[in-house]
Amino acid sequence: MNLHAVRRASTYLMDRPNVLVCVGSGLSAESGIPTFRGSGGMFNDSRIATYTDIETLKKDPQGMLSWYQERRVQLQQVRPNAGHFALARLAATGNYTIATQNVDNLMEVACQTENVHPDIHHVHGLLSDVKCTGCQTVISDLNIDLSTLPSCESCGGQLRPGVILFGEELPHDAMEASTLAAQQADICMVIGTSGLVYPAASLPEIARNHGAKIIEINLELTALSDLCDVIVRGNASMILPVLERVVTDAL
């Protein structure tokens, strides 16, 4: 970890700024949830990659829904890591909005534990949600077993995970709120995301175009690295606690 880069990043986070945090799967990796892209990412497995496409829901609903059910079971067993908790505490030092591509709820759990309440927008949906393909009813219930191919009690439509699949539009409300936060941000922190998946990857670009300083925390070079004013290489679960300590000690 480059402590000089951490200190530079901390100077941007003083004086209670407006901060947009763009979160990717790198933040949840230390909790045991595999990353999506990058080395070892789930998308590198061609079979798994097909399960992220809306067309697979029609072609292989059993395989797809069984795979997502395994992930829903896993979600009940994982816990936030030090990075989630540190980011939650950082959110208490300014006006923070979190736009996350992660479909887990670990950020919410960490914020509840720390008694902090930033706006959190899930631009790729939530795995804990189940959605009806017919009436579009959304049910937040991890006890529903998708591997049994359940039907909606209201209309009889097929139930599916509440995540956004390739071929679908992102949730309008979440993207609209995140875009507004990007336009108003003094600082944009980009944590654990490859910057390859659009339109979510456009948020740091929007923030930059509106004058925000960009801080990147990631293990690897990303598609957004050239935009950044400060880059801290390393695990978010190690860097964020140090960054939070430097900022809170200075306040």
C-alpha atoms as a PDB file:
ATOM      1  CA  MET A   1       0.000   0.000   0.000  1.00  0.00           C
ATOM      2  CA  ASN A   2       1.291   3.466  -0.954  1.00  0.00           C
ATOM      3  CA  LEU A   3       0.763   5.556   2.179  1.00  0.00           C
ATOM      4  CA  HIS A   4       1.670   8.728   0.299  1.00  0.00           C
ATOM      5  CA  ALA A   5      -1.190   8.087  -2.125  1.00  0.00           C
ATOM      6  CA  VAL A   6      -3.534   7.392   0.810  1.00  0.00           C
ATOM      7  CA  ARG A   7      -2.599  10.718   2.395  1.00  0.00           C
ATOM      8  CA  ARG A   8      -3.137  12.528  -0.912  1.00  0.00           C
ATOM      9  CA  ALA A   9      -6.554  10.926  -1.221  1.00  0.00           C
ATOM     10  CA  SER A  10      -7.413  11.936   2.353  1.00  0.00           C
ATOM     11  CA  THR A  11      -6.788  15.610   1.599  1.00  0.00           C
ATOM     12  CA  TYR A  12      -9.604  15.550  -0.945  1.00  0.00           C
ATOM     13  CA  LEU A  13     -12.003  14.053   1.599  1.00  0.00           C
ATOM     14  CA  MET A  14     -11.647  16.748   4.247  1.00  0.00           C
ATOM     15  CA  ASP A  15     -14.153  19.578   4.828  1.00  0.00           C
ATOM     16  CA  ARG A  16     -17.259  17.378   4.421  1.00  0.00           C
ATOM     17  CA  PRO A  17     -17.356  17.285   0.580  1.00  0.00           C
ATOM     18  CA  ASN A  18     -20.037  15.867  -1.703  1.00  0.00           C
ATOM     19  CA  VAL A  19     -18.694  12.405  -2.546  1.00  0.00           C
ATOM     20  CA  LEU A  20     -19.954   9.882  -5.078  1.00  0.00           C
ATOM     21  CA  VAL A  21     -18.566   6.404  -4.430  1.00  0.00           C
ATOM     22  CA  CYS A  22     -18.695   4.037  -7.420  1.00  0.00           C
ATOM     23  CA  VAL A  23     -18.353   0.512  -6.078  1.00  0.00           C
ATOM     24  CA  GLY A  24     -17.520  -2.685  -7.927  1.00  0.00           C
ATOM     25  CA  SER A  25     -17.043  -6.313  -6.981  1.00  0.00           C
ATOM     26  CA  GLY A  26     -13.524  -5.706  -5.665  1.00  0.00           C
ATOM     27  CA  LEU A  27     -15.030  -4.313  -2.461  1.00  0.00           C
ATOM     28  CA  SER A  28     -16.897  -7.548  -1.691  1.00  0.00           C
ATOM     29  CA  ALA A  29     -14.116  -9.918  -2.790  1.00  0.00           C
ATOM     30  CA  GLU A  30     -12.641 -10.149   0.707  1.00  0.00           C
ATOM     31  CA  SER A  31     -16.054 -11.249   1.970  1.00  0.00           C
ATOM     32  CA  GLY A  32     -15.833 -14.306  -0.258  1.00  0.00           C
ATOM     33  CA  ILE A  33     -17.892 -13.080  -3.198  1.00  0.00           C
ATOM     34  CA  PRO A  34     -15.986 -13.607  -6.481  1.00  0.00           C
ATOM     35  CA  THR A  35     -15.232 -10.587  -8.635  1.00  0.00           C
ATOM     36  CA  PHE A  36     -17.036 -10.217 -11.941  1.00  0.00           C
ATOM     37  CA  ARG A  37     -14.209  -9.222 -14.268  1.00  0.00           C
ATOM     38  CA  GLY A  38     -10.435  -9.046 -13.862  1.00  0.00           C
ATOM     39  CA  SER A  39      -8.173 -12.011 -13.146  1.00  0.00           C
ATOM     40  CA  GLY A  40     -10.207 -14.894 -11.775  1.00  0.00           C
ATOM     41  CA  GLY A  41     -13.487 -13.062 -12.375  1.00  0.00           C
ATOM     42  CA  MET A  42     -16.715 -15.000 -12.897  1.00  0.00           C
ATOM     43  CA  PHE A  43     -17.219 -13.526 -16.372  1.00  0.00           C
ATOM     44  CA  ASN A  44     -14.102 -15.367 -17.559  1.00  0.00           C
ATOM     45  CA  ASP A  45     -16.054 -18.649 -17.278  1.00  0.00           C
ATOM     46  CA  SER A  46     -18.061 -18.876 -20.516  1.00  0.00           C
ATOM     47  CA  ARG A  47     -20.776 -21.023 -18.925  1.00  0.00           C
ATOM     48  CA  ILE A  48     -21.301 -18.567 -16.092  1.00  0.00           C
ATOM     49  CA  ALA A  49     -21.171 -15.645 -18.524  1.00  0.00           C
ATOM     50  CA  THR A  50     -24.232 -17.037 -20.310  1.00  0.00           C
ATOM     51  CA  TYR A  51     -26.173 -16.911 -17.035  1.00  0.00           C
ATOM     52  CA  THR A  52     -25.800 -13.134 -16.981  1.00  0.00           C
ATOM     53  CA  ASP A  53     -27.703 -12.753 -20.279  1.00  0.00           C
ATOM     54  CA  ILE A  54     -31.471 -12.252 -20.477  1.00  0.00           C
ATOM     55  CA  GLU A  55     -31.732 -14.721 -23.384  1.00  0.00           C
ATOM     56  CA  THR A  56     -30.562 -17.587 -21.164  1.00  0.00           C
ATOM     57  CA  LEU A  57     -33.647 -17.128 -19.005  1.00  0.00           C
ATOM     58  CA  LYS A  58     -35.666 -18.306 -22.011  1.00  0.00           C
ATOM     59  CA  LYS A  59     -33.259 -21.003 -23.247  1.00  0.00           C
ATOM     60  CA  ASP A  60     -32.114 -22.583 -19.973  1.00  0.00           C
ATOM     61  CA  PRO A  61     -34.225 -21.351 -17.055  1.00  0.00           C
ATOM     62  CA  GLN A  62     -33.416 -24.373 -14.880  1.00  0.00           C
ATOM     63  CA  GLY A  63     -29.649 -24.005 -15.196  1.00  0.00           C
ATOM     64  CA  MET A  64     -29.719 -20.249 -14.848  1.00  0.00           C
ATOM     65  CA  LEU A  65     -32.077 -20.062 -11.872  1.00  0.00           C
ATOM     66  CA  SER A  66     -30.282 -22.907 -10.080  1.00  0.00           C
ATOM     67  CA  TRP A  67     -26.998 -21.011 -10.424  1.00  0.00           C
ATOM     68  CA  TYR A  68     -28.520 -17.817  -9.087  1.00  0.00           C
ATOM     69  CA  GLN A  69     -30.110 -19.749  -6.225  1.00  0.00           C
ATOM     70  CA  GLU A  70     -26.651 -20.983  -5.212  1.00  0.00           C
ATOM     71  CA  ARG A  71     -25.527 -17.370  -5.073  1.00  0.00           C
ATOM     72  CA  ARG A  72     -28.596 -16.396  -3.040  1.00  0.00           C
ATOM     73  CA  VAL A  73     -27.770 -19.113  -0.502  1.00  0.00           C
ATOM     74  CA  GLN A  74     -24.175 -17.850  -0.391  1.00  0.00           C
ATOM     75  CA  LEU A  75     -25.452 -14.335   0.279  1.00  0.00           C
ATOM     76  CA  GLN A  76     -26.986 -15.514   3.551  1.00  0.00           C
ATOM     77  CA  GLN A  77     -23.589 -16.800   4.692  1.00  0.00           C
ATOM     78  CA  VAL A  78     -21.274 -13.872   3.906  1.00  0.00           C
ATOM     79  CA  ARG A  79     -20.590 -10.809   6.015  1.00  0.00           C
ATOM     80  CA  PRO A  80     -19.228  -7.309   5.307  1.00  0.00           C
ATOM     81  CA  ASN A  81     -15.457  -6.966   5.453  1.00  0.00           C
ATOM     82  CA  ALA A  82     -13.291  -4.202   6.882  1.00  0.00           C
ATOM     83  CA  GLY A  83     -13.619  -2.210   3.661  1.00  0.00           C
ATOM     84  CA  HIS A  84     -17.407  -2.041   3.908  1.00  0.00           C
ATOM     85  CA  PHE A  85     -17.267  -0.885   7.522  1.00  0.00           C
ATOM     86  CA  ALA A  86     -14.569   1.707   6.827  1.00  0.00           C
ATOM     87  CA  LEU A  87     -16.529   3.111   3.887  1.00  0.00           C
ATOM     88  CA  ALA A  88     -19.610   3.309   6.104  1.00  0.00           C
ATOM     89  CA  ARG A  89     -17.654   5.314   8.687  1.00  0.00           C
ATOM     90  CA  LEU A  90     -16.213   7.544   5.955  1.00  0.00           C
ATOM     91  CA  ALA A  91     -19.759   8.280   4.837  1.00  0.00           C
ATOM     92  CA  ALA A  92     -20.337   9.976   8.180  1.00  0.00           C
ATOM     93  CA  THR A  93     -17.634  12.565   7.384  1.00  0.00           C
ATOM     94  CA  GLY A  94     -19.352  14.149   4.371  1.00  0.00           C
ATOM     95  CA  ASN A  95     -22.302  14.008   2.023  1.00  0.00           C
ATOM     96  CA  TYR A  96     -21.793  10.541   0.522  1.00  0.00           C
ATOM     97  CA  THR A  97     -23.780   8.768  -2.184  1.00  0.00           C
ATOM     98  CA  ILE A  98     -22.876   5.169  -3.010  1.00  0.00           C
ATOM     99  CA  ALA A  99     -23.621   3.836  -6.500  1.00  0.00           C
ATOM    100  CA  THR A 100     -22.849   0.135  -6.413  1.00  0.00           C
ATOM    101  CA  GLN A 101     -22.667  -2.420  -9.187  1.00  0.00           C
ATOM    102  CA  ASN A 102     -22.650  -5.141  -6.534  1.00  0.00           C
ATOM    103  CA  VAL A 103     -25.839  -7.126  -6.198  1.00  0.00           C
ATOM    104  CA  ASP A 104     -25.151  -8.072  -2.565  1.00  0.00           C
ATOM    105  CA  ASN A 105     -26.471  -6.121   0.419  1.00  0.00           C
ATOM    106  CA  LEU A 106     -23.199  -6.000   2.372  1.00  0.00           C
ATOM    107  CA  MET A 107     -22.909  -2.214   2.151  1.00  0.00           C
ATOM    108  CA  GLU A 108     -26.336  -1.814   3.729  1.00  0.00           C
ATOM    109  CA  VAL A 109     -25.452  -4.233   6.525  1.00  0.00           C
ATOM    110  CA  ALA A 110     -22.220  -2.338   7.271  1.00  0.00           C
ATOM    111  CA  CYS A 111     -24.004   1.031   7.280  1.00  0.00           C
ATOM    112  CA  GLN A 112     -26.702  -0.269   9.624  1.00  0.00           C
ATOM    113  CA  THR A 113     -24.033  -1.613  11.964  1.00  0.00           C
ATOM    114  CA  GLU A 114     -22.218   1.738  11.990  1.00  0.00           C
ATOM    115  CA  ASN A 115     -25.528   3.647  12.251  1.00  0.00           C
ATOM    116  CA  VAL A 116     -24.768   5.631   9.103  1.00  0.00           C
ATOM    117  CA  HIS A 117     -27.343   6.280   6.407  1.00  0.00           C
ATOM    118  CA  PRO A 118     -25.879   7.357   3.058  1.00  0.00           C
ATOM    119  CA  ASP A 119     -27.921   7.054  -0.116  1.00  0.00           C
ATOM    120  CA  ILE A 120     -27.125   3.660  -1.681  1.00  0.00           C
ATOM    121  CA  HIS A 121     -28.189   2.973  -5.265  1.00  0.00           C
ATOM    122  CA  HIS A 122     -27.949  -0.527  -6.739  1.00  0.00           C
ATOM    123  CA  VAL A 123     -27.478   0.147 -10.440  1.00  0.00           C
ATOM    124  CA  HIS A 124     -27.353  -3.596 -11.250  1.00  0.00           C
ATOM    125  CA  GLY A 125     -30.190  -4.675  -8.976  1.00  0.00           C
ATOM    126  CA  LEU A 126     -30.206  -6.875  -5.868  1.00  0.00           C
ATOM    127  CA  LEU A 127     -29.707 -10.619  -5.589  1.00  0.00           C
ATOM    128  CA  SER A 128     -31.912 -10.734  -2.487  1.00  0.00           C
ATOM    129  CA  ASP A 129     -34.836  -9.524  -4.617  1.00  0.00           C
ATOM    130  CA  VAL A 130     -37.039 -11.757  -6.763  1.00  0.00           C
ATOM    131  CA  LYS A 131     -38.948 -10.263  -9.693  1.00  0.00           C
ATOM    132  CA  CYS A 132     -41.933 -11.540 -11.654  1.00  0.00           C
ATOM    133  CA  THR A 133     -41.408 -11.625 -15.418  1.00  0.00           C
ATOM    134  CA  GLY A 134     -45.145 -11.042 -15.853  1.00  0.00           C
ATOM    135  CA  CYS A 135     -46.481  -8.329 -13.556  1.00  0.00           C
ATOM    136  CA  GLN A 136     -42.985  -7.072 -12.593  1.00  0.00           C
ATOM    137  CA  THR A 137     -43.749  -7.395  -8.874  1.00  0.00           C
ATOM    138  CA  VAL A 138     -40.537  -7.285  -6.800  1.00  0.00           C
ATOM    139  CA  ILE A 139     -40.305  -9.381  -3.635  1.00  0.00           C
ATOM    140  CA  SER A 140     -37.387  -9.013  -1.223  1.00  0.00           C
ATOM    141  CA  ASP A 141     -37.168 -12.561   0.148  1.00  0.00           C
ATOM    142  CA  LEU A 142     -34.122 -14.824   0.271  1.00  0.00           C
ATOM    143  CA  ASN A 143     -36.296 -17.765   1.353  1.00  0.00           C
ATOM    144  CA  ILE A 144     -37.753 -18.180  -2.145  1.00  0.00           C
ATOM    145  CA  ASP A 145     -35.980 -21.084  -3.861  1.00  0.00           C
ATOM    146  CA  LEU A 146     -35.511 -20.085  -7.496  1.00  0.00           C
ATOM    147  CA  SER A 147     -34.161 -23.530  -8.405  1.00  0.00           C
ATOM    148  CA  THR A 148     -37.728 -24.893  -8.125  1.00  0.00           C
ATOM    149  CA  LEU A 149     -38.822 -22.516 -10.928  1.00  0.00           C
ATOM    150  CA  PRO A 150     -41.483 -20.859  -8.745  1.00  0.00           C
ATOM    151  CA  SER A 151     -44.382 -18.836 -10.148  1.00  0.00           C
ATOM    152  CA  CYS A 152     -45.788 -15.492  -9.067  1.00  0.00           C
ATOM    153  CA  GLU A 153     -48.729 -15.857  -6.680  1.00  0.00           C
ATOM    154  CA  SER A 154     -50.403 -12.792  -8.196  1.00  0.00           C
ATOM    155  CA  CYS A 155     -50.259 -13.510 -11.933  1.00  0.00           C
ATOM    156  CA  GLY A 156     -48.626 -16.916 -12.398  1.00  0.00           C
ATOM    157  CA  GLY A 157     -45.602 -15.432 -14.168  1.00  0.00           C
ATOM    158  CA  GLN A 158     -42.112 -16.874 -13.830  1.00  0.00           C
ATOM    159  CA  LEU A 159     -40.025 -15.589 -10.921  1.00  0.00           C
ATOM    160  CA  ARG A 160     -36.407 -14.623 -11.554  1.00  0.00           C
ATOM    161  CA  PRO A 161     -33.565 -12.935  -9.633  1.00  0.00           C
ATOM    162  CA  GLY A 162     -33.802  -9.190  -9.146  1.00  0.00           C
ATOM    163  CA  VAL A 163     -30.429  -8.545 -10.768  1.00  0.00           C
ATOM    164  CA  ILE A 164     -30.000  -6.702 -14.061  1.00  0.00           C
ATOM    165  CA  LEU A 165     -29.000  -9.047 -16.875  1.00  0.00           C
ATOM    166  CA  PHE A 166     -27.173  -8.199 -20.085  1.00  0.00           C
ATOM    167  CA  GLY A 167     -29.785  -7.140 -22.596  1.00  0.00           C
ATOM    168  CA  GLU A 168     -31.820  -5.264 -19.986  1.00  0.00           C
ATOM    169  CA  GLU A 169     -31.916  -1.574 -19.131  1.00  0.00           C
ATOM    170  CA  LEU A 170     -30.536  -0.447 -15.785  1.00  0.00           C
ATOM    171  CA  PRO A 171     -33.088   0.657 -13.171  1.00  0.00           C
ATOM    172  CA  HIS A 172     -34.113   4.181 -14.105  1.00  0.00           C
ATOM    173  CA  ASP A 173     -34.415   5.593 -10.589  1.00  0.00           C
ATOM    174  CA  ALA A 174     -31.035   4.268  -9.432  1.00  0.00           C
ATOM    175  CA  MET A 175     -29.216   5.562 -12.513  1.00  0.00           C
ATOM    176  CA  GLU A 176     -30.961   8.925 -12.427  1.00  0.00           C
ATOM    177  CA  ALA A 177     -30.065   9.476  -8.765  1.00  0.00           C
ATOM    178  CA  SER A 178     -26.487   8.286  -9.340  1.00  0.00           C
ATOM    179  CA  THR A 179     -26.078  10.548 -12.370  1.00  0.00           C
ATOM    180  CA  LEU A 180     -27.320  13.545 -10.393  1.00  0.00           C
ATOM    181  CA  ALA A 181     -24.863  12.695  -7.610  1.00  0.00           C
ATOM    182  CA  ALA A 182     -22.065  12.502 -10.199  1.00  0.00           C
ATOM    183  CA  GLN A 183     -22.962  15.942 -11.513  1.00  0.00           C
ATOM    184  CA  GLN A 184     -22.923  17.419  -8.004  1.00  0.00           C
ATOM    185  CA  ALA A 185     -19.878  15.586  -6.636  1.00  0.00           C
ATOM    186  CA  ASP A 186     -16.737  17.330  -5.445  1.00  0.00           C
ATOM    187  CA  ILE A 187     -15.015  13.938  -5.237  1.00  0.00           C
ATOM    188  CA  CYS A 188     -15.664  10.622  -6.957  1.00  0.00           C
ATOM    189  CA  MET A 189     -14.157   7.514  -5.386  1.00  0.00           C
ATOM    190  CA  VAL A 190     -13.924   4.485  -7.689  1.00  0.00           C
ATOM    191  CA  ILE A 191     -13.495   1.322  -5.642  1.00  0.00           C
ATOM    192  CA  GLY A 192     -12.934  -2.193  -6.942  1.00  0.00           C
ATOM    193  CA  THR A 193     -14.453  -1.780 -10.396  1.00  0.00           C
ATOM    194  CA  SER A 194     -12.897  -2.495 -13.785  1.00  0.00           C
ATOM    195  CA  GLY A 195     -14.655   0.448 -15.419  1.00  0.00           C
ATOM    196  CA  LEU A 196     -15.663  -1.752 -18.354  1.00  0.00           C
ATOM    197  CA  VAL A 197     -19.400  -2.145 -17.788  1.00  0.00           C
ATOM    198  CA  TYR A 198     -21.509   0.703 -19.155  1.00  0.00           C
ATOM    199  CA  PRO A 199     -23.524   2.736 -18.432  1.00  0.00           C
ATOM    200  CA  ALA A 200     -22.407   2.383 -14.779  1.00  0.00           C
ATOM    201  CA  ALA A 201     -18.807   3.098 -15.837  1.00  0.00           C
ATOM    202  CA  SER A 202     -19.910   6.475 -17.195  1.00  0.00           C
ATOM    203  CA  LEU A 203     -20.563   7.854 -13.691  1.00  0.00           C
ATOM    204  CA  PRO A 204     -16.898   8.709 -12.906  1.00  0.00           C
ATOM    205  CA  GLU A 205     -16.626  10.267 -16.369  1.00  0.00           C
ATOM    206  CA  ILE A 206     -19.684  12.436 -15.685  1.00  0.00           C
ATOM    207  CA  ALA A 207     -18.241  13.457 -12.319  1.00  0.00           C
ATOM    208  CA  ARG A 208     -14.903  14.329 -13.921  1.00  0.00           C
ATOM    209  CA  ASN A 209     -16.617  16.393 -16.617  1.00  0.00           C
ATOM    210  CA  HIS A 210     -18.373  18.373 -13.871  1.00  0.00           C
ATOM    211  CA  GLY A 211     -15.116  19.163 -12.079  1.00  0.00           C
ATOM    212  CA  ALA A 212     -14.830  16.356  -9.518  1.00  0.00           C
ATOM    213  CA  LYS A 213     -11.506  14.939  -8.401  1.00  0.00           C
ATOM    214  CA  ILE A 214     -11.265  11.181  -8.968  1.00  0.00           C
ATOM    215  CA  ILE A 215      -9.752   8.712  -6.478  1.00  0.00           C
ATOM    216  CA  GLU A 216      -9.266   5.097  -7.576  1.00  0.00           C
ATOM    217  CA  ILE A 217      -8.746   2.174  -5.195  1.00  0.00           C
ATOM    218  CA  ASN A 218      -8.071  -1.062  -7.052  1.00  0.00           C
ATOM    219  CA  LEU A 219      -5.632  -3.940  -7.241  1.00  0.00           C
ATOM    220  CA  GLU A 220      -5.109  -3.475 -10.971  1.00  0.00           C
ATOM    221  CA  LEU A 221      -4.955  -0.915 -13.743  1.00  0.00           C
ATOM    222  CA  THR A 222      -8.492  -0.197 -14.975  1.00  0.00           C
ATOM    223  CA  ALA A 223     -10.226   1.477 -17.888  1.00  0.00           C
ATOM    224  CA  LEU A 224     -10.778   4.498 -15.613  1.00  0.00           C
ATOM    225  CA  SER A 225      -7.225   4.879 -14.309  1.00  0.00           C
ATOM    226  CA  ASP A 226      -6.302   7.601 -16.799  1.00  0.00           C
ATOM    227  CA  LEU A 227      -9.095   9.811 -15.404  1.00  0.00           C
ATOM    228  CA  CYS A 228      -7.858   9.635 -11.835  1.00  0.00           C
ATOM    229  CA  ASP A 229      -6.146  12.307  -9.749  1.00  0.00           C
ATOM    230  CA  VAL A 230      -5.051   9.799  -7.099  1.00  0.00           C
ATOM    231  CA  ILE A 231      -4.583   6.045  -7.520  1.00  0.00           C
ATOM    232  CA  VAL A 232      -4.085   3.721  -4.572  1.00  0.00           C
ATOM    233  CA  ARG A 233      -3.189   0.177  -5.571  1.00  0.00           C
ATOM    234  CA  GLY A 234      -4.211  -2.636  -3.245  1.00  0.00           C
ATOM    235  CA  ASN A 235      -7.135  -4.404  -1.585  1.00  0.00           C
ATOM    236  CA  ALA A 236     -10.015  -2.113  -0.685  1.00  0.00           C
ATOM    237  CA  SER A 237     -10.427  -4.024   2.588  1.00  0.00           C
ATOM    238  CA  MET A 238      -6.919  -2.925   3.593  1.00  0.00           C
ATOM    239  CA  ILE A 239      -6.818   0.567   2.094  1.00  0.00           C
ATOM    240  CA  LEU A 240     -10.201   1.926   3.173  1.00  0.00           C
ATOM    241  CA  PRO A 241      -9.633   1.420   6.943  1.00  0.00           C
ATOM    242  CA  VAL A 242      -6.349   3.329   6.697  1.00  0.00           C
ATOM    243  CA  LEU A 243      -7.908   6.083   4.608  1.00  0.00           C
ATOM    244  CA  GLU A 244     -10.852   6.373   7.001  1.00  0.00           C
ATOM    245  CA  ARG A 245      -8.517   6.594  10.005  1.00  0.00           C
ATOM    246  CA  VAL A 246      -6.437   9.361   8.396  1.00  0.00           C
ATOM    247  CA  VAL A 247      -9.568  11.362   7.509  1.00  0.00           C
ATOM    248  CA  THR A 248     -11.357  10.973  10.850  1.00  0.00           C
ATOM    249  CA  ASP A 249      -8.182  11.706  12.860  1.00  0.00           C
ATOM    250  CA  ALA A 250      -7.824  14.982  10.967  1.00  0.00           C
ATOM    251  CA  LEU A 251     -11.402  16.133  11.587  1.00  0.00           C
END
